[in-house]
Amino acid sequence: MSDWKRMRFKKNKVWVALRPDGNLDVQDGKVLIKYQLNQAHEYRIHVDSLHILEGPEQIETAVAPVEKKKAPARPKQAPAKAAAGKSEDSHPADAILIHTDGASSGNPGPSGVGVLMKYGPHEKEISRFIGIATNNIAELEAIRIGLETVKNREKPVRLFTDSNYAFGLLTQGWKAKKNLELVAEIRALLTTFRDIRLYKVKGHAGDPGNERADRLATDAIKQNS
């Protein structure tokens, strides 16, 4: 049973494995991290990518919980197949709908992400410039930002992307050859939701949510060019 320490990796707090002497368990320059102590997935990242938490964020070293008799697991819903029809059809009434898109001018070049979130009558738009990146990174980053923005992860979430690349990596078991840390971060995020489905929609085909997310992404580039 390993001890774990709370640290920061990119914009997220993570648990980092420690040796018995209390120091980071570094092997070949990498350390083992988890986003949640009770998650099955573990990742190895370069130790230089970690940052110490300071001030009120600092959390004492924690010991991974002792495994107890498990309650019957509630059925999990696998990420969905490609959506049929319009992206807002046939979803739970209390679902949070997230439309994401990424754009890059140059590939790689100046890039932006667009996220449109809907919950009942409420809407939230995110238009963010992410610097120089590829279109694939922008698509993944839009998904990551959309997922991180959800506060109540007990509610059903339906996320829509027009990226074959992102959809394949996150729902079809494709092996990531690039952007490994970003893909791992999103996969870990997906495990924190009770009921989440990802849908592939056709880009630039009149889907209202996708069109708005595309405008938010391209606007981010224009405003920073």
Foldseek 3Di string as FASTA:
>chain_A
DFKWAWWDADHAIWTWTDDPVGHGPADPQWTKIARDLPDPDIDIDGPVRIGHDDDPVGDDIGGRDDDDDDDPDDDADAADEADDDFQPPDDDLQEKEKEKAKDDDPQQHWIWIWIWIDGHPDIDIDIATDGGHGRVVRRLVRLVVRLVVDDDQAHEYEYEYQDPVLCCLQHVVDDDPPPVVSSVSSNSSVVVHRHYYYHHDHAPPPRVRNVRRVVSTVVNRVVVD
